[in-house]
Every structure is written in C-alpha cells, then in structure tokens.
Amino acid sequence: MCFLVLILAITLPLLSQNRNPYIPQNLSIWLQTGGGANIVHSADMGASPMHYVGGGLSTTQGGTMIWNRCQAHLESRALANVELNKASGNIFAFGYDGRAEFLYRCYDYKDLHVWAGGATQAYIDIKYYPQLMNASVGGSIFFNLHATGMVQLDFLPFFDFNHNLFSIYGKLSLPLLGSVTRPGFAYMDNYTSSLNLTNSFFQEYQTDFMAFPGVNTDVGLFLNLLNKNKIGLTYRWDYLTTRHTGCYRFDHAAHTFNVVFLFNIF
C-alpha cells in the first residue's frame, strides 16, 4: 500500500501535461485498482435452510472516463468469504461483480455536482457447502439494469484556488429489472445426473425475472493529488434478493470497506 501511495504521488504528471494532440482536451481517463475487507450475510434456502454470516477480502479493478458533462465507468470486483451459521457449519463463498455505468452531470452549484444515469450489472455467486458432499456447490447468476444517481462535493481549495484537495460522494444505484439463473435441482448443480456441463446448464438451470431485486449504495472520500491521481476510502453496501421469485429464496448482503487508487493517464 505504501508503494502504491508513493507511485501515485510522484508518477504520471508528464502524461497529464504532454497530452496527445489527437486526444480531446476535455477528456480525462483514470485507471482504478484497490481492495478491502468484507462483512457478508447470506441465505440460500434451496441449499441450506440457515442464515450465514462471515467475512473475507475483495479486490477491485476498473477505469473511469470523463468528458464534457459525461462519465463512463467500468468496474470488476472479486470477493472471497468464509461464512458460518448458528450450528457451527461453514461455507466458502465467492462472488464476481461486473458493472458498466454511464452518468450525466445534470446540476452544478459551485463545487457541488449532481450526476444521474444508469448501469448494467452481472453478479455471479458461488458457494461451497463442504457438509453436503456431492451436492455441495450452489450458484446464482444475476443480470440487472440500474437507475443510478450520485452527489459529489469538492472541497478545501488549494494551489491558488484552482485545485480542491478532497472530494466526497454518495451514490445510490437501484436495480429496476433483473434476472437470475440458478440450477433447478435444489438450486445446486446435480452432477450425479449428468457430468456434461453444457447439458446441465441448458437443461437443468432455470431463469426468473424480477423487479427491484436489491439495492447498491456507495460513499467515499478521495484525496486529489496535484498530478490528478487520487487515493480514496470507500464503503459499499450491496444487496441482492430473489424474494419469492422461484421455489426458494436467495439473499446476499455485503458490506465492503475499500482503499482505492486512481491513476490518471490522460
């Protein structure tokens, strides 16, 4: 972490100053990396009729492009957790969250900015239940369409009042419509019936559609360095649920505390 902070503080200023003449002057691009710790709460009644609570680690990679009043953001997150229930049973849970987001800056008041737009999300949830032996792996695949809003405040002017040292933001992303694909046999892959993964996916999996299958919130504080690189601390809460869609209910909530580094390349 200290190494990344040092790199952020001293590198890439030349790329920002000597811009390629074919790149628009109002275009800025950041590459993102980071990671943090998770606290998760999950329940998959098709696999185990108990609630599980645990923790683990996550990693994040992505990129952000801003031009005029528009912002496009791509993000890829991976989560790995160990969860326990009241009966001292444990599971190993893995998640992948991919997101493509577009926001438009629709309102400005001095250093206060309001963004609105939408996003697409793909979330893959895989859980391993050691105590269930041959039917020990459960999986769910979500695809969601989000409406997204964000409020951002830049503050603490510095360097002749042309640069704000800090930015704080809050983001709410609400999935309006989603789908979930899950195995049909107890919501777990049944490899005793077929070892052919293709047949298992297309013949035994079922897909259901839902309205408002969860919510995502994100708040963070960023230090804006003079070379346009950024260091941030963020907190995210992500919740996905099938409610009463399908035969068995699925719930997954994750609290993640992250350190984020943004490298400005244009």
Protein backbone atom coordinates (compact mmCIF):
# COMPACT_ATOMS: atom_id res chain seq x y z
CA MET A 1 0.00 0.00 0.00
CA CYS A 2 2.85 2.38 0.83
CA PHE A 3 4.40 1.61 -2.54
CA LEU A 4 1.16 2.44 -4.38
CA VAL A 5 0.81 5.70 -2.46
CA LEU A 6 4.37 6.63 -3.43
CA ILE A 7 3.70 5.81 -7.09
CA LEU A 8 0.52 7.89 -7.02
CA ALA A 9 2.32 10.85 -5.52
CA ILE A 10 5.24 11.06 -7.95
CA THR A 11 4.28 9.41 -11.26
CA LEU A 12 2.32 10.23 -14.40
CA PRO A 13 2.39 14.03 -14.26
CA LEU A 14 4.10 14.14 -17.67
CA LEU A 15 1.25 12.19 -19.27
CA SER A 16 -1.20 14.77 -17.96
CA GLN A 17 0.87 17.71 -19.16
CA ASN A 18 2.02 16.41 -22.56
CA ARG A 19 -1.32 15.35 -23.97
CA ASN A 20 -1.51 13.65 -27.34
CA PRO A 21 -2.82 16.26 -29.84
CA TYR A 22 -5.35 13.75 -31.18
CA ILE A 23 -6.99 13.38 -27.75
CA PRO A 24 -9.72 15.94 -26.92
CA GLN A 25 -8.65 18.49 -24.32
CA ASN A 26 -11.73 17.87 -22.19
CA LEU A 27 -11.17 14.10 -21.92
CA SER A 28 -9.76 12.57 -18.71
CA ILE A 29 -9.14 8.88 -18.03
CA TRP A 30 -8.28 7.14 -14.76
CA LEU A 31 -7.29 3.52 -14.18
CA GLN A 32 -8.54 2.09 -10.88
CA THR A 33 -7.21 -0.58 -8.54
CA GLY A 34 -7.83 -1.37 -4.90
CA GLY A 35 -9.09 -3.81 -2.35
CA GLY A 36 -10.52 -4.19 1.11
CA ALA A 37 -12.39 -6.24 3.66
CA ASN A 38 -15.95 -7.62 3.56
CA ILE A 39 -18.67 -8.44 6.04
CA VAL A 40 -21.36 -10.62 4.45
CA HIS A 41 -24.75 -12.03 5.38
CA SER A 42 -26.38 -14.60 3.09
CA ALA A 43 -29.15 -17.17 2.88
CA ASP A 44 -29.93 -19.65 0.13
CA MET A 45 -32.94 -21.69 1.22
CA GLY A 46 -32.63 -24.05 -1.73
CA ALA A 47 -29.23 -25.20 -0.49
CA SER A 48 -29.34 -24.86 3.31
CA PRO A 49 -32.26 -23.56 5.42
CA MET A 50 -29.98 -21.41 7.60
CA HIS A 51 -28.56 -17.89 7.60
CA TYR A 52 -24.80 -17.46 7.28
CA VAL A 53 -22.60 -14.57 8.44
CA GLY A 54 -18.90 -14.13 7.76
CA GLY A 55 -16.13 -12.05 6.27
CA GLY A 56 -13.32 -12.01 3.78
CA LEU A 57 -11.43 -9.93 1.25
CA SER A 58 -12.21 -8.23 -2.05
CA THR A 59 -10.26 -6.72 -4.93
CA THR A 60 -11.35 -4.09 -7.46
CA GLN A 61 -10.12 -3.07 -10.90
CA GLY A 62 -11.65 -0.67 -13.37
CA GLY A 63 -11.48 2.58 -15.26
CA THR A 64 -13.26 5.93 -15.46
CA MET A 65 -13.54 8.28 -18.44
CA ILE A 66 -14.92 11.83 -18.12
CA TRP A 67 -15.62 14.24 -21.00
CA ASN A 68 -17.79 17.35 -21.09
CA ARG A 69 -20.62 16.54 -18.64
CA CYS A 70 -20.46 12.76 -19.13
CA GLN A 71 -18.82 9.99 -17.13
CA ALA A 72 -18.38 6.33 -18.11
CA HIS A 73 -17.16 3.81 -15.56
CA LEU A 74 -16.21 0.12 -15.86
CA GLU A 75 -15.60 -1.93 -12.73
CA SER A 76 -14.74 -5.52 -11.91
CA ARG A 77 -14.82 -6.83 -8.31
CA ALA A 78 -13.99 -10.23 -6.86
CA LEU A 79 -14.99 -11.30 -3.35
CA ALA A 80 -13.91 -14.33 -1.28
CA ASN A 81 -15.50 -15.04 2.11
CA VAL A 82 -15.86 -17.66 4.82
CA GLU A 83 -19.32 -17.77 6.42
CA LEU A 84 -20.70 -19.55 9.50
CA ASN A 85 -24.17 -20.39 10.83
CA LYS A 86 -25.50 -20.92 14.36
CA ALA A 87 -24.88 -24.67 14.13
CA SER A 88 -21.16 -24.01 13.52
CA GLY A 89 -21.46 -25.11 9.90
CA ASN A 90 -19.28 -23.22 7.46
CA ILE A 91 -19.35 -22.38 3.76
CA PHE A 92 -16.86 -20.84 1.35
CA ALA A 93 -18.44 -18.07 -0.72
CA PHE A 94 -17.09 -16.43 -3.87
CA GLY A 95 -18.57 -13.57 -5.86
CA TYR A 96 -17.81 -11.69 -9.06
CA ASP A 97 -19.41 -8.29 -9.71
CA GLY A 98 -19.02 -6.66 -13.14
CA ARG A 99 -20.56 -3.26 -13.84
CA ALA A 100 -20.75 -0.78 -16.75
CA GLU A 101 -22.09 2.65 -15.75
CA PHE A 102 -22.88 5.90 -17.51
CA LEU A 103 -23.65 9.16 -15.66
CA TYR A 104 -24.53 12.67 -16.85
CA ARG A 105 -23.70 15.72 -14.72
CA CYS A 106 -27.11 17.34 -14.67
CA TYR A 107 -26.62 20.02 -11.98
CA ASP A 108 -23.75 22.13 -10.63
CA TYR A 109 -23.66 24.63 -7.81
CA LYS A 110 -20.12 25.89 -7.22
CA ASP A 111 -18.24 22.71 -6.18
CA LEU A 112 -21.39 20.60 -5.72
CA HIS A 113 -22.25 18.26 -8.60
CA VAL A 114 -25.24 16.00 -9.19
CA TRP A 115 -24.97 13.05 -11.58
CA ALA A 116 -27.75 10.81 -12.94
CA GLY A 117 -27.74 7.82 -15.28
CA GLY A 118 -27.83 4.05 -15.36
CA ALA A 119 -25.76 0.89 -15.22
CA THR A 120 -25.75 -2.77 -16.15
CA GLN A 121 -24.58 -5.36 -13.62
CA ALA A 122 -23.63 -9.01 -13.77
CA TYR A 123 -23.14 -10.76 -10.42
CA ILE A 124 -22.06 -14.40 -10.07
CA ASP A 125 -22.44 -16.01 -6.65
CA ILE A 126 -20.83 -19.39 -5.92
CA LYS A 127 -20.99 -21.14 -2.56
CA TYR A 128 -19.30 -24.35 -1.46
CA TYR A 129 -21.01 -26.34 1.33
CA PRO A 130 -18.47 -28.99 2.49
CA GLN A 131 -21.07 -30.84 4.62
CA LEU A 132 -23.34 -31.55 1.61
CA MET A 133 -20.80 -33.78 -0.17
CA ASN A 134 -21.80 -34.50 -3.81
CA ALA A 135 -24.35 -31.64 -3.97
CA SER A 136 -22.02 -29.16 -2.32
CA VAL A 137 -21.79 -26.30 -4.85
CA GLY A 138 -24.56 -23.73 -5.27
CA GLY A 139 -24.55 -20.98 -7.85
CA SER A 140 -26.62 -17.98 -8.92
CA ILE A 141 -26.11 -15.59 -11.85
CA PHE A 142 -27.78 -12.16 -11.75
CA PHE A 143 -28.14 -9.66 -14.61
CA ASN A 144 -29.57 -6.28 -13.56
CA LEU A 145 -30.44 -2.91 -15.11
CA HIS A 146 -29.90 0.01 -12.70
CA ALA A 147 -31.01 3.60 -12.31
CA THR A 148 -28.15 5.48 -10.66
CA GLY A 149 -27.68 8.85 -9.00
CA MET A 150 -24.62 10.42 -7.40
CA VAL A 151 -23.89 13.61 -5.43
CA GLN A 152 -20.29 14.85 -5.33
CA LEU A 153 -18.73 17.71 -3.35
CA ASP A 154 -15.20 19.02 -3.95
CA PHE A 155 -13.76 21.00 -1.05
CA LEU A 156 -10.65 22.51 0.58
CA PRO A 157 -9.32 24.68 -2.25
CA PHE A 158 -5.56 24.65 -2.70
CA PHE A 159 -2.89 25.89 -5.10
CA ASP A 160 -4.28 29.34 -5.83
CA PHE A 161 -7.87 28.04 -5.51
CA ASN A 162 -7.66 26.09 -8.78
CA HIS A 163 -7.50 22.69 -7.10
CA ASN A 164 -9.63 21.03 -4.41
CA LEU A 165 -7.69 18.65 -2.20
CA PHE A 166 -10.68 16.46 -1.30
CA SER A 167 -13.84 15.09 -2.89
CA ILE A 168 -16.66 13.31 -1.12
CA TYR A 169 -19.50 11.49 -2.84
CA GLY A 170 -22.58 9.39 -2.21
CA LYS A 171 -24.11 7.09 -4.82
CA LEU A 172 -27.40 5.18 -4.91
CA SER A 173 -27.95 2.52 -7.57
CA LEU A 174 -31.34 0.83 -7.75
CA PRO A 175 -31.80 -2.25 -9.98
CA LEU A 176 -35.14 -1.70 -11.71
CA LEU A 177 -35.26 -5.04 -13.52
CA GLY A 178 -33.19 -8.17 -13.10
CA SER A 179 -32.91 -11.83 -13.94
CA VAL A 180 -31.41 -14.73 -12.00
CA THR A 181 -30.30 -18.07 -13.42
CA ARG A 182 -29.95 -20.97 -10.96
CA PRO A 183 -29.71 -24.79 -11.04
CA GLY A 184 -33.09 -26.49 -10.92
CA PHE A 185 -32.10 -29.36 -8.61
CA ALA A 186 -32.29 -27.95 -5.07
CA TYR A 187 -30.68 -24.85 -6.59
CA MET A 188 -27.39 -26.77 -6.70
CA ASP A 189 -25.57 -28.48 -9.57
CA ASN A 190 -26.56 -32.17 -9.68
CA TYR A 191 -23.55 -33.89 -11.21
CA THR A 192 -24.96 -37.32 -10.28
CA SER A 193 -27.48 -36.88 -13.12
CA SER A 194 -25.06 -35.57 -15.76
CA LEU A 195 -21.37 -34.77 -15.93
CA ASN A 196 -21.88 -32.75 -19.11
CA LEU A 197 -21.68 -29.10 -18.02
CA THR A 198 -23.39 -27.84 -21.18
CA ASN A 199 -26.39 -30.15 -20.72
CA SER A 200 -26.52 -29.30 -17.03
CA PHE A 201 -26.65 -25.55 -17.73
CA PHE A 202 -29.18 -25.56 -20.57
CA GLN A 203 -31.46 -28.36 -19.33
CA GLU A 204 -31.46 -28.13 -15.53
CA TYR A 205 -30.96 -24.40 -14.90
CA GLN A 206 -33.94 -22.08 -14.71
CA THR A 207 -34.16 -18.31 -15.25
CA ASP A 208 -36.56 -15.98 -13.45
CA PHE A 209 -37.17 -12.25 -13.94
CA MET A 210 -37.72 -9.82 -11.08
CA ALA A 211 -38.44 -6.16 -10.44
CA PHE A 212 -36.28 -4.33 -7.90
CA PRO A 213 -34.04 -7.29 -6.92
CA GLY A 214 -31.96 -5.30 -4.45
CA VAL A 215 -30.06 -2.05 -3.89
CA ASN A 216 -26.48 -0.73 -4.02
CA THR A 217 -25.07 2.21 -2.06
CA ASP A 218 -21.57 3.66 -2.16
CA VAL A 219 -19.94 6.52 -0.22
CA GLY A 220 -16.33 7.62 -0.33
CA LEU A 221 -13.70 10.25 0.37
CA PHE A 222 -10.86 10.94 -2.10
CA LEU A 223 -7.60 12.85 -1.77
CA ASN A 224 -6.94 14.65 -5.07
CA LEU A 225 -3.22 14.91 -5.74
CA LEU A 226 -1.76 17.74 -7.81
CA ASN A 227 -0.85 15.34 -10.65
CA LYS A 228 -4.56 14.32 -10.89
CA ASN A 229 -4.05 10.91 -9.24
CA LYS A 230 -6.39 10.06 -6.40
CA ILE A 231 -6.40 8.00 -3.18
CA GLY A 232 -9.78 7.05 -1.71
CA LEU A 233 -11.50 5.33 1.18
CA THR A 234 -14.94 3.92 0.33
CA TYR A 235 -17.77 1.98 1.93
CA ARG A 236 -20.22 -0.06 -0.17
CA TRP A 237 -23.37 -1.93 0.71
CA ASP A 238 -24.67 -4.34 -1.92
CA TYR A 239 -27.87 -6.35 -1.51
CA LEU A 240 -29.42 -8.87 -3.92
CA THR A 241 -32.53 -10.96 -3.33
CA THR A 242 -34.96 -13.15 -5.24
CA ARG A 243 -37.68 -12.61 -2.61
CA HIS A 244 -40.47 -15.07 -3.54
CA THR A 245 -39.40 -15.50 -7.16
CA GLY A 246 -38.78 -19.20 -7.78
CA CYS A 247 -39.22 -22.03 -5.30
CA TYR A 248 -36.57 -20.95 -2.81
CA ARG A 249 -35.45 -17.55 -1.59
CA PHE A 250 -31.92 -16.22 -2.07
CA ASP A 251 -30.48 -13.22 -0.17
CA HIS A 252 -26.97 -11.79 -0.20
CA ALA A 253 -25.77 -8.63 1.56
CA ALA A 254 -22.15 -7.46 1.52
CA HIS A 255 -20.53 -4.57 3.40
CA THR A 256 -17.14 -3.71 1.88
CA PHE A 257 -14.54 -1.25 3.17
CA ASN A 258 -12.02 -0.41 0.45
CA VAL A 259 -8.85 1.51 -0.29
CA VAL A 260 -8.96 2.76 -3.90
CA PHE A 261 -6.16 4.15 -6.08
CA LEU A 262 -6.85 6.08 -9.29
CA PHE A 263 -4.04 6.67 -11.80
CA ASN A 264 -4.65 9.49 -14.29
CA ILE A 265 -3.34 8.56 -17.75
CA PHE A 266 -4.94 11.38 -19.81
